[in-house]
């Protein structure tokens, strides 16, 4: 089973979206976790995240956590939400640089904008747009990565 770590800033919006969506889509193919570069440990996922995922039949039981050396060691692949997250992780964990990518760049290295938009502070529609964006990229991820296993 491949270990996937999703990383964003606070670990309450984008990375939990990606974590729970991939668990739902891929089931036993992956073990999935998420973390943040500036997370306040123990926070729940955003209310909009929980509501939107619940509407898809996905229950979210989440507690935010910081990226740690232990999580980086656990991961086979680290997928970030932005280039800035990716660069910061590569600086912090240079020995892991070969497994750190933005989600979009991992799926399509030639795609122009590697960043997933941050819905933090937005209304439900903003969160829904981000969820849709992540969902579409995860579909492509499962198609690409599933073939290589």
Protein backbone atom coordinates (compact mmCIF):
# COMPACT_ATOMS: atom_id res chain seq x y z
CA UNK A 1 0.00 0.00 0.00
CA UNK A 2 1.36 3.40 -0.98
CA UNK A 3 1.53 6.13 1.71
CA UNK A 4 0.36 9.54 0.45
CA UNK A 5 0.76 12.75 2.49
CA UNK A 6 -1.14 15.87 1.40
CA UNK A 7 0.22 19.20 2.63
CA UNK A 8 -1.26 22.70 2.73
CA UNK A 9 -0.90 25.63 5.13
CA UNK A 10 -3.25 25.09 8.06
CA UNK A 11 -4.46 21.52 7.45
CA UNK A 12 -8.12 22.52 7.82
CA UNK A 13 -9.21 23.06 4.18
CA UNK A 14 -7.35 21.82 1.10
CA UNK A 15 -5.24 18.97 2.45
CA UNK A 16 -8.13 17.40 4.41
CA UNK A 17 -10.29 17.71 1.27
CA UNK A 18 -7.64 15.82 -0.69
CA UNK A 19 -7.10 13.27 2.09
CA UNK A 20 -10.75 12.32 2.48
CA UNK A 21 -11.53 12.42 -1.24
CA UNK A 22 -8.63 10.11 -2.08
CA UNK A 23 -9.57 7.70 0.71
CA UNK A 24 -13.09 7.65 -0.69
CA UNK A 25 -11.98 7.17 -4.31
CA UNK A 26 -9.12 4.73 -3.93
CA UNK A 27 -9.98 2.79 -0.79
CA UNK A 28 -7.36 0.13 -0.13
CA UNK A 29 -4.92 1.33 -2.78
CA UNK A 30 -3.48 4.07 -0.55
CA UNK A 31 -2.98 4.98 3.07
CA UNK A 32 -3.58 8.73 3.21
CA UNK A 33 -2.76 11.44 5.74
CA UNK A 34 -2.61 15.23 5.65
CA UNK A 35 -0.70 17.93 7.48
CA UNK A 36 0.04 21.63 7.38
CA UNK A 37 3.14 23.79 7.34
CA UNK A 38 1.55 26.25 9.80
CA UNK A 39 -1.14 24.09 11.39
CA UNK A 40 -2.48 24.59 14.88
CA UNK A 41 -2.58 20.97 16.07
CA UNK A 42 -5.95 19.49 16.96
CA UNK A 43 -8.23 21.77 14.93
CA UNK A 44 -11.21 20.31 13.13
CA UNK A 45 -11.62 20.63 9.38
CA UNK A 46 -13.47 23.72 8.20
CA UNK A 47 -17.24 23.54 8.53
CA UNK A 48 -17.65 24.03 4.78
CA UNK A 49 -15.23 21.15 4.12
CA UNK A 50 -17.18 18.84 6.40
CA UNK A 51 -20.52 19.88 4.92
CA UNK A 52 -19.42 19.55 1.29
CA UNK A 53 -17.83 16.15 1.84
CA UNK A 54 -20.85 14.99 3.84
CA UNK A 55 -23.00 15.84 0.82
CA UNK A 56 -20.88 13.27 -1.08
CA UNK A 57 -21.36 10.66 1.64
CA UNK A 58 -17.92 11.19 3.17
CA UNK A 59 -17.66 11.56 6.95
CA UNK A 60 -14.78 13.74 8.12
CA UNK A 61 -13.18 13.11 11.50
CA UNK A 62 -10.12 15.32 11.36
CA UNK A 63 -7.57 16.89 13.67
CA UNK A 64 -5.04 19.20 12.08
CA UNK A 65 -1.36 18.45 12.51
CA UNK A 66 1.98 19.93 11.58
CA UNK A 67 4.28 18.33 9.05
CA UNK A 68 6.84 16.36 11.08
CA UNK A 69 9.96 14.37 10.23
CA UNK A 70 8.02 11.25 11.23
CA UNK A 71 5.24 12.00 8.71
CA UNK A 72 7.80 12.71 6.01
CA UNK A 73 9.52 9.41 6.77
CA UNK A 74 6.16 7.59 6.62
CA UNK A 75 5.26 9.04 3.21
CA UNK A 76 6.06 7.42 -0.11
CA UNK A 77 4.74 10.49 -1.91
CA UNK A 78 4.10 14.03 -0.63
CA UNK A 79 1.62 16.12 -2.63
CA UNK A 80 1.34 19.81 -1.83
CA UNK A 81 -1.37 22.29 -2.74
CA UNK A 82 1.01 25.02 -3.96
CA UNK A 83 4.51 25.50 -5.29
CA UNK A 84 5.34 27.52 -2.17
CA UNK A 85 4.43 24.54 0.03
CA UNK A 86 6.54 22.27 -2.16
CA UNK A 87 9.60 24.54 -2.04
CA UNK A 88 9.35 24.95 1.72
CA UNK A 89 9.16 21.19 2.26
CA UNK A 90 12.12 20.59 -0.06
CA UNK A 91 14.12 23.11 1.99
CA UNK A 92 13.08 21.53 5.30
CA UNK A 93 13.52 17.95 4.12
CA UNK A 94 16.17 17.94 1.38
CA UNK A 95 16.61 14.16 1.67
CA UNK A 96 12.94 13.78 0.61
CA UNK A 97 12.99 16.19 -2.33
CA UNK A 98 12.48 13.38 -4.86
CA UNK A 99 9.06 12.47 -3.39
CA UNK A 100 7.66 16.02 -3.00
CA UNK A 101 5.48 17.51 -5.76
CA UNK A 102 2.46 19.72 -6.12
CA UNK A 103 -0.58 17.56 -6.83
CA UNK A 104 -1.00 19.15 -10.25
CA UNK A 105 2.69 18.87 -11.24
CA UNK A 106 2.79 15.21 -10.22
CA UNK A 107 -0.20 14.46 -12.44
CA UNK A 108 0.76 16.76 -15.32
CA UNK A 109 4.28 18.26 -15.20
CA UNK A 110 3.45 20.55 -18.14
CA UNK A 111 0.33 22.11 -16.60
CA UNK A 112 0.74 25.90 -16.36
CA UNK A 113 -0.61 26.68 -12.88
CA UNK A 114 0.57 24.17 -10.26
CA UNK A 115 -1.41 25.76 -7.41
CA UNK A 116 -4.75 24.73 -5.90
CA UNK A 117 -6.73 27.82 -4.87
CA UNK A 118 -7.06 28.48 -1.13
CA UNK A 119 -10.70 28.76 -0.01
CA UNK A 120 -9.84 29.89 3.54
CA UNK A 121 -12.24 32.62 4.64
CA UNK A 122 -14.49 32.19 1.62
CA UNK A 123 -18.14 31.20 1.48
CA UNK A 124 -19.44 27.73 0.71
CA UNK A 125 -19.30 28.37 -3.06
CA UNK A 126 -15.58 29.17 -2.85
CA UNK A 127 -14.98 25.95 -0.92
CA UNK A 128 -17.11 24.02 -3.43
CA UNK A 129 -14.98 25.34 -6.31
CA UNK A 130 -11.77 24.27 -4.54
CA UNK A 131 -13.25 20.87 -3.74
CA UNK A 132 -14.21 20.41 -7.39
CA UNK A 133 -10.69 21.39 -8.48
CA UNK A 134 -9.07 18.92 -6.07
CA UNK A 135 -11.57 16.21 -7.00
CA UNK A 136 -10.78 16.53 -10.71
CA UNK A 137 -7.02 16.39 -10.09
CA UNK A 138 -7.40 13.38 -7.81
CA UNK A 139 -9.33 11.54 -10.53
CA UNK A 140 -6.38 12.16 -12.82
CA UNK A 141 -3.94 11.15 -10.06
CA UNK A 142 -5.68 7.80 -9.49
CA UNK A 143 -5.69 7.11 -13.25
CA UNK A 144 -2.00 7.94 -13.59
CA UNK A 145 -0.72 6.44 -10.35
CA UNK A 146 -2.95 3.38 -10.43
CA UNK A 147 -1.33 2.27 -13.66
CA UNK A 148 2.15 2.37 -12.11
CA UNK A 149 1.32 0.12 -9.14
